[in-house]
Amino acid sequence: MQLIGMLDSPYVRRVAVALIAAKVPFVHRPVSLFRHIDEFSKINPLLKAPTFVADGTALMDSNLILDYLASVHPSVAALAPTTAPERLRHLRITGLALAVMEKAVQRHYERALRPETKRHEPWIDRVMGQLTAGLAALDAELPKSGWIGRELGLADISAACAIGFIHGVVPDVVDAAGYQNLAGFGARAEALTVFRAAPAKDGLIAPVAIPG
């Protein structure tokens, strides 16, 4: 199994950390959507990261990839609760985290790829409104200590990857002082071996030994 994409993408990192936490072996190929466009297009002509290749089939979208992995690896399925109300809370926080990722990525691309003269301020304001609303909700709903469940789960991983992307790529567009709980949650996650093994940067999975 191969995970294709750069770890500075919160979506790629989300899958990588989940696989590492579940102790599922895989090969990470840090192929960039921008610097290695020809190589990536041979794997997935839609140029969407993450792309996951299993048994010769290329899947895309982190949710679909993780859904497939949960169907074939019980340890991945165990990262998410199966009964209410735990599952309801898990899905709520996962949805918030994914919305934050989406809006943060949009904000990043708006300034990184679009010429300043082509930027549409009302659109940027809309995206920022959605981003700050998502961050405020996460800040209010994430636990102030420990994890959402008894152990680290997919909702925790998703939230931490969203926070990591904010801190690493767009820290200047978000007032971090307003989200102290997010900062603490992110710091707890980043201190874990499974997160240090997949750092949010342009590069390979780190050679870090995972306990157990």
Protein backbone atom coordinates (compact mmCIF):
# COMPACT_ATOMS: atom_id res chain seq x y z
CA MET A 1 0.00 0.00 0.00
CA GLN A 2 1.27 3.45 -0.93
CA LEU A 3 0.33 6.87 0.38
CA ILE A 4 1.15 9.57 -2.16
CA GLY A 5 1.41 13.22 -1.18
CA MET A 6 3.32 15.67 0.98
CA LEU A 7 2.92 15.72 4.75
CA ASP A 8 2.49 19.49 4.78
CA SER A 9 -1.02 18.69 3.48
CA PRO A 10 -3.27 18.15 6.53
CA TYR A 11 -5.23 15.56 4.57
CA VAL A 12 -2.17 13.49 3.69
CA ARG A 13 -0.87 13.80 7.23
CA ARG A 14 -4.26 12.73 8.63
CA VAL A 15 -4.05 9.41 6.77
CA ALA A 16 -0.38 8.92 7.60
CA VAL A 17 -0.83 9.49 11.34
CA ALA A 18 -3.89 7.21 11.42
CA LEU A 19 -1.94 4.42 9.72
CA ILE A 20 1.00 4.86 12.07
CA ALA A 21 -1.28 4.92 15.13
CA ALA A 22 -3.00 1.75 13.89
CA LYS A 23 0.38 0.11 13.18
CA VAL A 24 -0.51 -0.61 9.56
CA PRO A 25 2.56 -0.83 7.31
CA PHE A 26 2.59 1.35 4.22
CA VAL A 27 4.97 3.12 1.85
CA HIS A 28 4.94 6.91 1.82
CA ARG A 29 5.81 8.60 -1.47
CA PRO A 30 6.30 12.36 -0.98
CA VAL A 31 5.26 13.40 -4.48
CA SER A 32 4.37 17.08 -4.77
CA LEU A 33 1.30 18.28 -6.67
CA PHE A 34 3.32 21.25 -7.87
CA ARG A 35 6.99 20.28 -8.21
CA HIS A 36 6.33 16.72 -9.43
CA ILE A 37 3.18 17.25 -11.44
CA ASP A 38 4.15 14.83 -14.22
CA GLU A 39 4.97 12.06 -11.75
CA PHE A 40 1.78 12.65 -9.78
CA SER A 41 -0.42 12.73 -12.89
CA LYS A 42 0.80 9.24 -13.82
CA ILE A 43 -0.48 7.97 -10.48
CA ASN A 44 -3.66 10.06 -10.40
CA PRO A 45 -4.45 12.36 -13.35
CA LEU A 46 -6.93 14.25 -11.15
CA LEU A 47 -3.91 15.54 -9.17
CA LYS A 48 -5.57 15.09 -5.79
CA ALA A 49 -3.67 14.44 -2.58
CA PRO A 50 -3.76 12.23 -0.72
CA THR A 51 -3.89 9.46 -3.26
CA PHE A 52 -3.70 5.95 -1.84
CA VAL A 53 -2.81 2.94 -3.97
CA ALA A 54 -3.95 -0.51 -2.82
CA ASP A 55 -4.02 -3.63 -4.99
CA GLY A 56 -3.40 -1.50 -8.07
CA THR A 57 -6.38 0.78 -7.37
CA ALA A 58 -5.88 4.48 -6.67
CA LEU A 59 -8.22 6.00 -4.09
CA MET A 60 -8.47 9.70 -3.31
CA ASP A 61 -10.00 11.80 -0.54
CA SER A 62 -8.84 11.13 3.02
CA ASN A 63 -12.33 10.12 4.17
CA LEU A 64 -12.69 7.46 1.49
CA ILE A 65 -9.16 6.21 2.06
CA LEU A 66 -9.74 5.85 5.79
CA ASP A 67 -13.13 4.21 5.18
CA TYR A 68 -11.46 1.57 3.01
CA LEU A 69 -8.65 1.05 5.50
CA ALA A 70 -11.14 0.59 8.33
CA SER A 71 -12.82 -2.15 6.31
CA VAL A 72 -9.62 -4.17 5.95
CA HIS A 73 -7.71 -3.29 9.13
CA PRO A 74 -9.53 -3.61 12.48
CA SER A 75 -6.88 -1.42 14.11
CA VAL A 76 -7.89 1.47 11.81
CA ALA A 77 -11.59 0.84 12.48
CA ALA A 78 -10.82 0.94 16.21
CA LEU A 79 -9.72 4.58 15.90
CA ALA A 80 -13.40 5.60 15.73
CA PRO A 81 -16.23 4.63 18.10
CA THR A 82 -19.13 2.66 16.67
CA THR A 83 -21.90 3.50 19.12
CA ALA A 84 -23.80 6.66 20.01
CA PRO A 85 -23.32 9.13 21.64
CA GLU A 86 -19.56 8.67 21.35
CA ARG A 87 -19.75 8.35 17.56
CA LEU A 88 -21.90 11.47 17.27
CA ARG A 89 -19.28 13.54 19.11
CA HIS A 90 -16.48 11.93 17.10
CA LEU A 91 -18.20 12.83 13.81
CA ARG A 92 -19.00 16.35 14.98
CA ILE A 93 -15.38 17.14 15.83
CA THR A 94 -14.06 15.38 12.72
CA GLY A 95 -16.39 17.51 10.60
CA LEU A 96 -15.22 20.70 12.29
CA ALA A 97 -11.59 19.71 11.77
CA LEU A 98 -12.16 18.96 8.08
CA ALA A 99 -13.95 22.28 7.60
CA VAL A 100 -11.03 24.11 9.24
CA MET A 101 -8.58 22.25 6.98
CA GLU A 102 -10.60 23.14 3.88
CA LYS A 103 -10.85 26.84 4.69
CA ALA A 104 -7.22 27.13 5.80
CA VAL A 105 -6.06 25.47 2.59
CA GLN A 106 -8.29 27.78 0.53
CA ARG A 107 -6.88 30.81 2.30
CA HIS A 108 -3.34 29.59 1.75
CA TYR A 109 -3.87 28.91 -1.96
CA GLU A 110 -5.62 32.24 -2.45
CA ARG A 111 -2.46 34.12 -1.57
CA ALA A 112 0.14 31.57 -2.66
CA LEU A 113 -1.21 30.90 -6.15
CA ARG A 114 -3.48 33.78 -7.14
CA PRO A 115 -1.92 37.11 -8.22
CA GLU A 116 -2.80 39.94 -5.85
CA THR A 117 -4.67 41.82 -8.58
CA LYS A 118 -6.94 38.79 -9.12
CA ARG A 119 -7.92 38.26 -5.49
CA HIS A 120 -11.56 38.80 -4.56
CA GLU A 121 -11.80 40.31 -1.08
CA PRO A 122 -15.44 39.35 -0.42
CA TRP A 123 -14.50 35.72 -1.08
CA ILE A 124 -11.48 35.97 1.22
CA ASP A 125 -13.69 37.49 3.93
CA ARG A 126 -16.17 34.64 3.55
CA VAL A 127 -13.45 32.01 3.83
CA MET A 128 -11.95 33.72 6.87
CA GLY A 129 -15.37 33.91 8.51
CA GLN A 130 -15.84 30.18 8.02
CA LEU A 131 -12.32 29.46 9.22
CA THR A 132 -12.64 31.48 12.41
CA ALA A 133 -16.08 29.98 13.14
CA GLY A 134 -14.62 26.50 12.79
CA LEU A 135 -11.67 27.32 15.02
CA ALA A 136 -13.93 28.83 17.68
CA ALA A 137 -16.12 25.71 17.68
CA LEU A 138 -13.11 23.40 17.93
CA ASP A 139 -11.63 25.54 20.70
CA ALA A 140 -14.87 25.23 22.67
CA GLU A 141 -15.47 21.53 22.06
CA LEU A 142 -12.06 19.87 22.28
CA PRO A 143 -11.12 18.51 25.71
CA LYS A 144 -8.82 20.64 27.82
CA SER A 145 -6.80 17.57 28.75
CA GLY A 146 -6.37 14.14 27.24
CA TRP A 147 -8.34 13.06 24.18
CA ILE A 148 -11.91 13.04 22.95
CA GLY A 149 -12.28 9.39 23.96
CA ARG A 150 -10.30 7.23 26.34
CA GLU A 151 -7.49 6.91 23.79
CA LEU A 152 -6.25 8.85 20.77
CA GLY A 153 -8.74 8.44 17.94
CA LEU A 154 -9.37 9.63 14.42
CA ALA A 155 -11.23 12.74 15.59
CA ASP A 156 -8.20 13.74 17.69
CA ILE A 157 -5.88 13.06 14.75
CA SER A 158 -8.06 15.13 12.41
CA ALA A 159 -8.25 18.06 14.82
CA ALA A 160 -4.51 17.99 15.51
CA CYS A 161 -3.66 17.90 11.80
CA ALA A 162 -5.91 20.91 11.21
CA ILE A 163 -4.24 22.80 14.06
CA GLY A 164 -0.79 21.81 12.80
CA PHE A 165 -1.55 23.18 9.35
CA ILE A 166 -2.78 26.47 10.81
CA HIS A 167 0.33 26.88 12.95
CA GLY A 168 2.71 25.80 10.20
CA VAL A 169 1.32 27.43 7.06
CA VAL A 170 -1.09 30.27 7.87
CA PRO A 171 -0.20 31.41 11.40
CA ASP A 172 -0.28 35.04 10.33
CA VAL A 173 -3.94 35.01 9.27
CA VAL A 174 -5.24 33.55 12.54
CA ASP A 175 -5.02 35.18 15.97
CA ALA A 176 -3.64 32.19 17.87
CA ALA A 177 -4.07 34.01 21.20
CA GLY A 178 -7.81 33.61 20.81
CA TYR A 179 -7.65 29.81 20.75
CA GLN A 180 -5.64 28.75 23.78
CA ASN A 181 -7.37 25.39 24.09
CA LEU A 182 -6.51 24.57 20.48
CA ALA A 183 -2.87 25.41 21.14
CA GLY A 184 -2.75 23.09 24.14
CA PHE A 185 -4.50 20.26 22.30
CA GLY A 186 -2.18 20.61 19.32
CA ALA A 187 0.90 20.63 21.54
CA ARG A 188 -0.21 17.42 23.31
CA ALA A 189 -0.70 15.71 19.97
CA GLU A 190 2.55 16.91 18.41
CA ALA A 191 4.48 15.53 21.39
CA LEU A 192 3.28 12.00 20.59
CA THR A 193 5.55 9.63 18.71
CA VAL A 194 2.92 8.97 16.05
CA PHE A 195 2.79 12.66 15.16
CA ARG A 196 6.55 13.12 15.30
CA ALA A 197 6.84 10.22 12.87
CA ALA A 198 4.79 12.18 10.31
CA PRO A 199 5.88 15.81 10.75
CA ALA A 200 3.82 18.48 9.00
CA LYS A 201 6.49 19.39 6.52
CA ASP A 202 7.67 18.77 3.00
CA GLY A 203 9.32 15.37 3.27
CA LEU A 204 9.19 11.70 4.16
CA ILE A 205 7.77 9.84 7.12
CA ALA A 206 10.40 10.19 9.86
CA PRO A 207 12.30 7.09 11.05
CA VAL A 208 10.79 7.11 14.55
CA ALA A 209 10.22 3.86 16.43
CA ILE A 210 6.58 3.42 17.41
CA PRO A 211 6.13 1.72 20.81
CA GLY A 212 4.36 -1.65 20.93
